[in-house]
């Protein structure tokens, strides 16, 4: 049972058209960046909530700030491209 590759590319946001003469789609890349940025933001919130209950606060707050910043940048750039 082979999945239809065309539907997989559509599911991935149409970032790349695998057919000959295919073109790169900035809007597809933007949607993918927004998706992964949102996941990164959720990860940053989870790390932040876990940090409040932890004794290793300085290191974990640095990780939380990194994830929140990276997620914000990914969502912003993705939104701009989409």
PDB file of N, CA and C in Angstrom:
ATOM      1  N   UNK A   1       0.837  -1.181   0.000  1.00  0.00           N
ATOM      2  CA  UNK A   1       0.000   0.000   0.000  1.00  0.00           C
ATOM      3  C   UNK A   1       0.882   1.244   0.000  1.00  0.00           C
ATOM      4  N   UNK A   2       1.095   1.812  -1.154  1.00  0.00           N
ATOM      5  CA  UNK A   2       1.932   3.002  -1.264  1.00  0.00           C
ATOM      6  C   UNK A   2       1.075   4.262  -1.164  1.00  0.00           C
ATOM      7  N   UNK A   3       1.500   5.205  -0.304  1.00  0.00           N
ATOM      8  CA  UNK A   3       0.748   6.465  -0.246  1.00  0.00           C
ATOM      9  C   UNK A   3       0.975   7.276  -1.513  1.00  0.00           C
ATOM     10  N   UNK A   4       0.037   8.117  -1.816  1.00  0.00           N
ATOM     11  CA  UNK A   4       0.146   8.981  -2.993  1.00  0.00           C
ATOM     12  C   UNK A   4       1.153  10.095  -2.692  1.00  0.00           C
ATOM     13  N   UNK A   5       2.298  10.140  -3.406  1.00  0.00           N
ATOM     14  CA  UNK A   5       3.310  11.160  -3.113  1.00  0.00           C
ATOM     15  C   UNK A   5       2.774  12.580  -3.269  1.00  0.00           C
ATOM     16  N   UNK A   6       1.859  12.777  -4.199  1.00  0.00           N
ATOM     17  CA  UNK A   6       1.329  14.125  -4.408  1.00  0.00           C
ATOM     18  C   UNK A   6       0.612  14.613  -3.155  1.00  0.00           C
ATOM     19  N   UNK A   7      -0.126  13.718  -2.490  1.00  0.00           N
ATOM     20  CA  UNK A   7      -0.840  14.140  -1.290  1.00  0.00           C
ATOM     21  C   UNK A   7       0.138  14.418  -0.152  1.00  0.00           C
ATOM     22  N   UNK A   8       1.260  13.678  -0.116  1.00  0.00           N
ATOM     23  CA  UNK A   8       2.262  13.935   0.922  1.00  0.00           C
ATOM     24  C   UNK A   8       2.897  15.311   0.740  1.00  0.00           C
ATOM     25  N   UNK A   9       3.172  15.678  -0.520  1.00  0.00           N
ATOM     26  CA  UNK A   9       3.745  17.004  -0.768  1.00  0.00           C
ATOM     27  C   UNK A   9       2.745  18.095  -0.405  1.00  0.00           C
ATOM     28  N   UNK A  10       1.475  17.853  -0.687  1.00  0.00           N
ATOM     29  CA  UNK A  10       0.454  18.835  -0.330  1.00  0.00           C
ATOM     30  C   UNK A  10       0.368  18.969   1.176  1.00  0.00           C
ATOM     31  N   UNK A  11       0.449  17.819   1.882  1.00  0.00           N
ATOM     32  CA  UNK A  11       0.401  17.828   3.340  1.00  0.00           C
ATOM     33  C   UNK A  11       1.586  18.597   3.918  1.00  0.00           C
ATOM     34  N   UNK A  12       2.739  18.509   3.268  1.00  0.00           N
ATOM     35  CA  UNK A  12       3.932  19.202   3.745  1.00  0.00           C
ATOM     36  C   UNK A  12       3.916  20.680   3.389  1.00  0.00           C
ATOM     37  N   UNK A  13       2.854  21.158   2.817  1.00  0.00           N
ATOM     38  CA  UNK A  13       2.760  22.573   2.502  1.00  0.00           C
ATOM     39  C   UNK A  13       3.214  22.899   1.100  1.00  0.00           C
ATOM     40  N   UNK A  14       3.480  21.891   0.296  1.00  0.00           N
ATOM     41  CA  UNK A  14       3.901  22.147  -1.079  1.00  0.00           C
ATOM     42  C   UNK A  14       5.218  22.881  -1.163  1.00  0.00           C
ATOM     43  N   UNK A  15       6.163  22.561  -0.253  1.00  0.00           N
ATOM     44  CA  UNK A  15       7.440  23.263  -0.240  1.00  0.00           C
ATOM     45  C   UNK A  15       8.202  23.036  -1.541  1.00  0.00           C
ATOM     46  N   UNK A  16       8.147  21.842  -2.069  1.00  0.00           N
ATOM     47  CA  UNK A  16       8.881  21.549  -3.287  1.00  0.00           C
ATOM     48  C   UNK A  16       8.022  20.667  -4.182  1.00  0.00           C
ATOM     49  N   UNK A  17       7.956  21.008  -5.437  1.00  0.00           N
ATOM     50  CA  UNK A  17       7.204  20.219  -6.404  1.00  0.00           C
ATOM     51  C   UNK A  17       8.155  19.182  -6.989  1.00  0.00           C
ATOM     52  N   UNK A  18       7.938  17.878  -6.712  1.00  0.00           N
ATOM     53  CA  UNK A  18       8.903  16.872  -7.147  1.00  0.00           C
ATOM     54  C   UNK A  18       8.871  16.557  -8.638  1.00  0.00           C
ATOM     55  N   UNK A  19       7.952  17.119  -9.379  1.00  0.00           N
ATOM     56  CA  UNK A  19       7.864  16.839 -10.799  1.00  0.00           C
ATOM     57  C   UNK A  19       8.949  17.605 -11.557  1.00  0.00           C
ATOM     58  N   UNK A  20       9.352  17.114 -12.732  1.00  0.00           N
ATOM     59  CA  UNK A  20      10.374  17.819 -13.511  1.00  0.00           C
ATOM     60  C   UNK A  20       9.953  19.272 -13.766  1.00  0.00           C
ATOM     61  N   UNK A  21      10.902  20.166 -13.574  1.00  0.00           N
ATOM     62  CA  UNK A  21      10.602  21.582 -13.735  1.00  0.00           C
ATOM     63  C   UNK A  21       9.861  22.143 -12.540  1.00  0.00           C
ATOM     64  N   UNK A  22       9.928  21.422 -11.416  1.00  0.00           N
ATOM     65  CA  UNK A  22       9.226  21.862 -10.217  1.00  0.00           C
ATOM     66  C   UNK A  22       9.809  23.156  -9.679  1.00  0.00           C
ATOM     67  N   UNK A  23       9.004  23.892  -8.956  1.00  0.00           N
ATOM     68  CA  UNK A  23       9.450  25.173  -8.425  1.00  0.00           C
ATOM     69  C   UNK A  23       9.378  25.177  -6.913  1.00  0.00           C
ATOM     70  N   UNK A  24      10.226  25.984  -6.326  1.00  0.00           N
ATOM     71  CA  UNK A  24      10.265  26.158  -4.884  1.00  0.00           C
ATOM     72  C   UNK A  24       9.168  27.141  -4.469  1.00  0.00           C
ATOM     73  N   UNK A  25       8.423  26.811  -3.435  1.00  0.00           N
ATOM     74  CA  UNK A  25       7.315  27.650  -3.011  1.00  0.00           C
ATOM     75  C   UNK A  25       7.636  28.314  -1.678  1.00  0.00           C
ATOM     76  N   UNK A  26       7.774  29.637  -1.673  1.00  0.00           N
ATOM     77  CA  UNK A  26       8.062  30.356  -0.431  1.00  0.00           C
ATOM     78  C   UNK A  26       6.883  30.291   0.522  1.00  0.00           C
ATOM     79  N   UNK A  27       5.656  30.296  -0.001  1.00  0.00           N
ATOM     80  CA  UNK A  27       4.504  30.244   0.887  1.00  0.00           C
ATOM     81  C   UNK A  27       4.418  28.883   1.578  1.00  0.00           C
ATOM     82  N   UNK A  28       4.791  27.816   0.871  1.00  0.00           N
ATOM     83  CA  UNK A  28       4.821  26.499   1.490  1.00  0.00           C
ATOM     84  C   UNK A  28       5.858  26.429   2.587  1.00  0.00           C
ATOM     85  N   UNK A  29       7.027  27.007   2.324  1.00  0.00           N
ATOM     86  CA  UNK A  29       8.076  27.059   3.341  1.00  0.00           C
ATOM     87  C   UNK A  29       7.601  27.877   4.541  1.00  0.00           C
ATOM     88  N   UNK A  30       6.895  28.960   4.270  1.00  0.00           N
ATOM     89  CA  UNK A  30       6.368  29.786   5.357  1.00  0.00           C
ATOM     90  C   UNK A  30       5.421  29.014   6.251  1.00  0.00           C
ATOM     91  N   UNK A  31       4.542  28.206   5.640  1.00  0.00           N
ATOM     92  CA  UNK A  31       3.609  27.405   6.441  1.00  0.00           C
ATOM     93  C   UNK A  31       4.353  26.390   7.300  1.00  0.00           C
ATOM     94  N   UNK A  32       5.400  25.783   6.728  1.00  0.00           N
ATOM     95  CA  UNK A  32       6.185  24.812   7.489  1.00  0.00           C
ATOM     96  C   UNK A  32       6.900  25.518   8.647  1.00  0.00           C
ATOM     97  N   UNK A  33       7.459  26.707   8.400  1.00  0.00           N
ATOM     98  CA  UNK A  33       8.133  27.454   9.465  1.00  0.00           C
ATOM     99  C   UNK A  33       7.164  27.859  10.571  1.00  0.00           C
ATOM    100  N   UNK A  34       5.967  28.277  10.208  1.00  0.00           N
ATOM    101  CA  UNK A  34       4.968  28.632  11.217  1.00  0.00           C
ATOM    102  C   UNK A  34       4.627  27.402  12.058  1.00  0.00           C
ATOM    103  N   UNK A  35       4.480  26.255  11.418  1.00  0.00           N
ATOM    104  CA  UNK A  35       4.154  25.024  12.141  1.00  0.00           C
ATOM    105  C   UNK A  35       5.255  24.671  13.142  1.00  0.00           C
ATOM    106  N   UNK A  36       6.517  24.630  12.674  1.00  0.00           N
ATOM    107  CA  UNK A  36       7.610  24.267  13.572  1.00  0.00           C
ATOM    108  C   UNK A  36       7.871  25.357  14.611  1.00  0.00           C
ATOM    109  N   UNK A  37       7.642  26.612  14.241  1.00  0.00           N
ATOM    110  CA  UNK A  37       7.762  27.693  15.217  1.00  0.00           C
ATOM    111  C   UNK A  37       6.736  27.561  16.318  1.00  0.00           C
ATOM    112  N   UNK A  38       5.515  27.188  15.958  1.00  0.00           N
ATOM    113  CA  UNK A  38       4.476  26.993  16.973  1.00  0.00           C
ATOM    114  C   UNK A  38       4.842  25.837  17.896  1.00  0.00           C
ATOM    115  N   UNK A  39       5.376  24.755  17.334  1.00  0.00           N
ATOM    116  CA  UNK A  39       5.822  23.648  18.176  1.00  0.00           C
ATOM    117  C   UNK A  39       6.947  24.082  19.117  1.00  0.00           C
ATOM    118  N   UNK A  40       7.863  24.907  18.608  1.00  0.00           N
ATOM    119  CA  UNK A  40       8.963  25.399  19.432  1.00  0.00           C
ATOM    120  C   UNK A  40       8.452  26.297  20.547  1.00  0.00           C
ATOM    121  N   UNK A  41       7.467  27.146  20.231  1.00  0.00           N
ATOM    122  CA  UNK A  41       6.876  27.990  21.275  1.00  0.00           C
ATOM    123  C   UNK A  41       6.202  27.149  22.349  1.00  0.00           C
ATOM    124  N   UNK A  42       5.491  26.113  21.947  1.00  0.00           N
ATOM    125  CA  UNK A  42       4.854  25.227  22.920  1.00  0.00           C
ATOM    126  C   UNK A  42       5.922  24.560  23.789  1.00  0.00           C
ATOM    127  N   UNK A  43       7.021  24.127  23.166  1.00  0.00           N
ATOM    128  CA  UNK A  43       8.133  23.547  23.927  1.00  0.00           C
ATOM    129  C   UNK A  43       8.723  24.546  24.913  1.00  0.00           C
ATOM    130  N   UNK A  44       8.844  25.805  24.511  1.00  0.00           N
ATOM    131  CA  UNK A  44       9.348  26.837  25.408  1.00  0.00           C
ATOM    132  C   UNK A  44       8.438  27.054  26.595  1.00  0.00           C
ATOM    133  N   UNK A  45       7.138  27.016  26.371  1.00  0.00           N
ATOM    134  CA  UNK A  45       6.180  27.166  27.478  1.00  0.00           C
ATOM    135  C   UNK A  45       6.286  25.979  28.426  1.00  0.00           C
ATOM    136  N   UNK A  46       6.421  24.777  27.870  1.00  0.00           N
ATOM    137  CA  UNK A  46       6.558  23.582  28.715  1.00  0.00           C
ATOM    138  C   UNK A  46       7.826  23.660  29.552  1.00  0.00           C
ATOM    139  N   UNK A  47       8.950  24.082  28.938  1.00  0.00           N
ATOM    140  CA  UNK A  47      10.201  24.217  29.683  1.00  0.00           C
ATOM    141  C   UNK A  47      10.063  25.291  30.763  1.00  0.00           C
ATOM    142  N   UNK A  48       9.378  26.388  30.444  1.00  0.00           N
ATOM    143  CA  UNK A  48       9.183  27.459  31.429  1.00  0.00           C
ATOM    144  C   UNK A  48       8.366  26.963  32.616  1.00  0.00           C
ATOM    145  N   UNK A  49       7.291  26.256  32.356  1.00  0.00           N
ATOM    146  CA  UNK A  49       6.454  25.726  33.446  1.00  0.00           C
ATOM    147  C   UNK A  49       7.246  24.720  34.268  1.00  0.00           C
ATOM    148  N   UNK A  50       8.027  23.883  33.613  1.00  0.00           N
ATOM    149  CA  UNK A  50       8.854  22.923  34.346  1.00  0.00           C
ATOM    150  C   UNK A  50       9.941  23.591  35.151  1.00  0.00           C
ATOM    151  N   UNK A  51      10.418  24.744  34.693  1.00  0.00           N
ATOM    152  CA  UNK A  51      11.495  25.459  35.386  1.00  0.00           C
ATOM    153  C   UNK A  51      11.014  26.040  36.701  1.00  0.00           C
ATOM    154  N   UNK A  52       9.776  26.470  36.757  1.00  0.00           N
ATOM    155  CA  UNK A  52       9.246  27.073  37.980  1.00  0.00           C
ATOM    156  C   UNK A  52       9.294  26.066  39.124  1.00  0.00           C
ATOM    157  N   UNK A  53       9.169  24.789  38.799  1.00  0.00           N
ATOM    158  CA  UNK A  53       9.155  23.748  39.828  1.00  0.00           C
ATOM    159  C   UNK A  53      10.530  23.118  40.046  1.00  0.00           C
ATOM    160  N   UNK A  54      11.566  23.628  39.385  1.00  0.00           N
ATOM    161  CA  UNK A  54      12.880  22.999  39.419  1.00  0.00           C
ATOM    162  C   UNK A  54      13.863  23.806  40.262  1.00  0.00           C
ATOM    163  N   UNK A  55      14.911  23.108  40.749  1.00  0.00           N
ATOM    164  CA  UNK A  55      15.968  23.785  41.499  1.00  0.00           C
ATOM    165  C   UNK A  55      17.029  24.358  40.565  1.00  0.00           C
ATOM    166  N   UNK A  56      17.100  23.866  39.333  1.00  0.00           N
ATOM    167  CA  UNK A  56      18.114  24.328  38.385  1.00  0.00           C
ATOM    168  C   UNK A  56      17.561  25.471  37.537  1.00  0.00           C
ATOM    169  N   UNK A  57      17.138  26.519  38.172  1.00  0.00           N
ATOM    170  CA  UNK A  57      16.433  27.580  37.454  1.00  0.00           C
ATOM    171  C   UNK A  57      17.265  28.348  36.436  1.00  0.00           C
ATOM    172  N   UNK A  58      18.487  28.803  36.763  1.00  0.00           N
ATOM    173  CA  UNK A  58      19.196  29.635  35.764  1.00  0.00           C
ATOM    174  C   UNK A  58      19.416  28.928  34.424  1.00  0.00           C
ATOM    175  N   UNK A  59      19.846  27.683  34.458  1.00  0.00           N
ATOM    176  CA  UNK A  59      20.113  26.965  33.202  1.00  0.00           C
ATOM    177  C   UNK A  59      18.816  26.710  32.439  1.00  0.00           C
ATOM    178  N   UNK A  60      17.770  26.351  33.153  1.00  0.00           N
ATOM    179  CA  UNK A  60      16.516  26.047  32.469  1.00  0.00           C
ATOM    180  C   UNK A  60      15.828  27.316  31.974  1.00  0.00           C
ATOM    181  N   UNK A  61      15.973  28.426  32.677  1.00  0.00           N
ATOM    182  CA  UNK A  61      15.395  29.672  32.173  1.00  0.00           C
ATOM    183  C   UNK A  61      16.102  30.099  30.888  1.00  0.00           C
ATOM    184  N   UNK A  62      17.408  29.826  30.787  1.00  0.00           N
ATOM    185  CA  UNK A  62      18.136  30.120  29.563  1.00  0.00           C
ATOM    186  C   UNK A  62      17.594  29.269  28.418  1.00  0.00           C
ATOM    187  N   UNK A  63      17.343  27.995  28.679  1.00  0.00           N
ATOM    188  CA  UNK A  63      16.776  27.120  27.652  1.00  0.00           C
ATOM    189  C   UNK A  63      15.374  27.584  27.263  1.00  0.00           C
ATOM    190  N   UNK A  64      14.583  27.962  28.240  1.00  0.00           N
ATOM    191  CA  UNK A  64      13.222  28.431  27.948  1.00  0.00           C
ATOM    192  C   UNK A  64      13.265  29.694  27.102  1.00  0.00           C
ATOM    193  N   UNK A  65      14.150  30.630  27.442  1.00  0.00           N
ATOM    194  CA  UNK A  65      14.270  31.865  26.666  1.00  0.00           C
ATOM    195  C   UNK A  65      14.709  31.566  25.238  1.00  0.00           C
ATOM    196  N   UNK A  66      15.613  30.602  25.080  1.00  0.00           N
ATOM    197  CA  UNK A  66      16.070  30.222  23.738  1.00  0.00           C
ATOM    198  C   UNK A  66      14.912  29.672  22.910  1.00  0.00           C
ATOM    199  N   UNK A  67      14.152  28.730  23.484  1.00  0.00           N
ATOM    200  CA  UNK A  67      13.039  28.133  22.741  1.00  0.00           C
ATOM    201  C   UNK A  67      11.963  29.162  22.419  1.00  0.00           C
ATOM    202  N   UNK A  68      11.651  30.031  23.361  1.00  0.00           N
ATOM    203  CA  UNK A  68      10.629  31.048  23.109  1.00  0.00           C
ATOM    204  C   UNK A  68      11.091  32.033  22.037  1.00  0.00           C
ATOM    205  N   UNK A  69      12.367  32.427  22.080  1.00  0.00           N
ATOM    206  CA  UNK A  69      12.901  33.350  21.073  1.00  0.00           C
ATOM    207  C   UNK A  69      12.940  32.699  19.694  1.00  0.00           C
ATOM    208  N   UNK A  70      13.431  31.465  19.631  1.00  0.00           N
ATOM    209  CA  UNK A  70      13.514  30.761  18.346  1.00  0.00           C
ATOM    210  C   UNK A  70      12.126  30.545  17.762  1.00  0.00           C
ATOM    211  N   UNK A  71      11.182  30.154  18.603  1.00  0.00           N
ATOM    212  CA  UNK A  71       9.818  29.953  18.129  1.00  0.00           C
ATOM    213  C   UNK A  71       9.206  31.221  17.589  1.00  0.00           C
ATOM    214  N   UNK A  72       9.456  32.335  18.273  1.00  0.00           N
ATOM    215  CA  UNK A  72       8.922  33.619  17.823  1.00  0.00           C
ATOM    216  C   UNK A  72       9.510  34.012  16.471  1.00  0.00           C
ATOM    217  N   UNK A  73      10.809  33.814  16.307  1.00  0.00           N
ATOM    218  CA  UNK A  73      11.460  34.141  15.030  1.00  0.00           C
ATOM    219  C   UNK A  73      10.931  33.247  13.914  1.00  0.00           C
ATOM    220  N   UNK A  74      10.797  31.946  14.180  1.00  0.00           N
ATOM    221  CA  UNK A  74      10.302  31.035  13.152  1.00  0.00           C
ATOM    222  C   UNK A  74       8.881  31.384  12.727  1.00  0.00           C
ATOM    223  N   UNK A  75       8.026  31.674  13.705  1.00  0.00           N
ATOM    224  CA  UNK A  75       6.648  32.038  13.371  1.00  0.00           C
ATOM    225  C   UNK A  75       6.629  33.355  12.592  1.00  0.00           C
ATOM    226  N   UNK A  76       7.435  34.329  13.001  1.00  0.00           N
ATOM    227  CA  UNK A  76       7.472  35.620  12.316  1.00  0.00           C
ATOM    228  C   UNK A  76       7.948  35.510  10.879  1.00  0.00           C
ATOM    229  N   UNK A  77       9.050  34.798  10.675  1.00  0.00           N
ATOM    230  CA  UNK A  77       9.586  34.636   9.316  1.00  0.00           C
ATOM    231  C   UNK A  77       8.626  33.797   8.471  1.00  0.00           C
ATOM    232  N   UNK A  78       8.077  32.746   9.073  1.00  0.00           N
ATOM    233  CA  UNK A  78       7.127  31.909   8.342  1.00  0.00           C
ATOM    234  C   UNK A  78       5.883  32.676   7.938  1.00  0.00           C
ATOM    235  N   UNK A  79       5.379  33.505   8.851  1.00  0.00           N
ATOM    236  CA  UNK A  79       4.187  34.308   8.556  1.00  0.00           C
ATOM    237  C   UNK A  79       4.480  35.279   7.421  1.00  0.00           C
ATOM    238  N   UNK A  80       5.683  35.867   7.441  1.00  0.00           N
ATOM    239  CA  UNK A  80       6.078  36.808   6.397  1.00  0.00           C
ATOM    240  C   UNK A  80       6.176  36.101   5.039  1.00  0.00           C
ATOM    241  N   UNK A  81       6.739  34.891   5.027  1.00  0.00           N
ATOM    242  CA  UNK A  81       6.870  34.146   3.771  1.00  0.00           C
ATOM    243  C   UNK A  81       5.528  33.651   3.259  1.00  0.00           C
ATOM    244  N   UNK A  82       4.654  33.258   4.174  1.00  0.00           N
ATOM    245  CA  UNK A  82       3.353  32.725   3.761  1.00  0.00           C
ATOM    246  C   UNK A  82       2.475  33.864   3.299  1.00  0.00           C
TER     247      UNK A  82
END
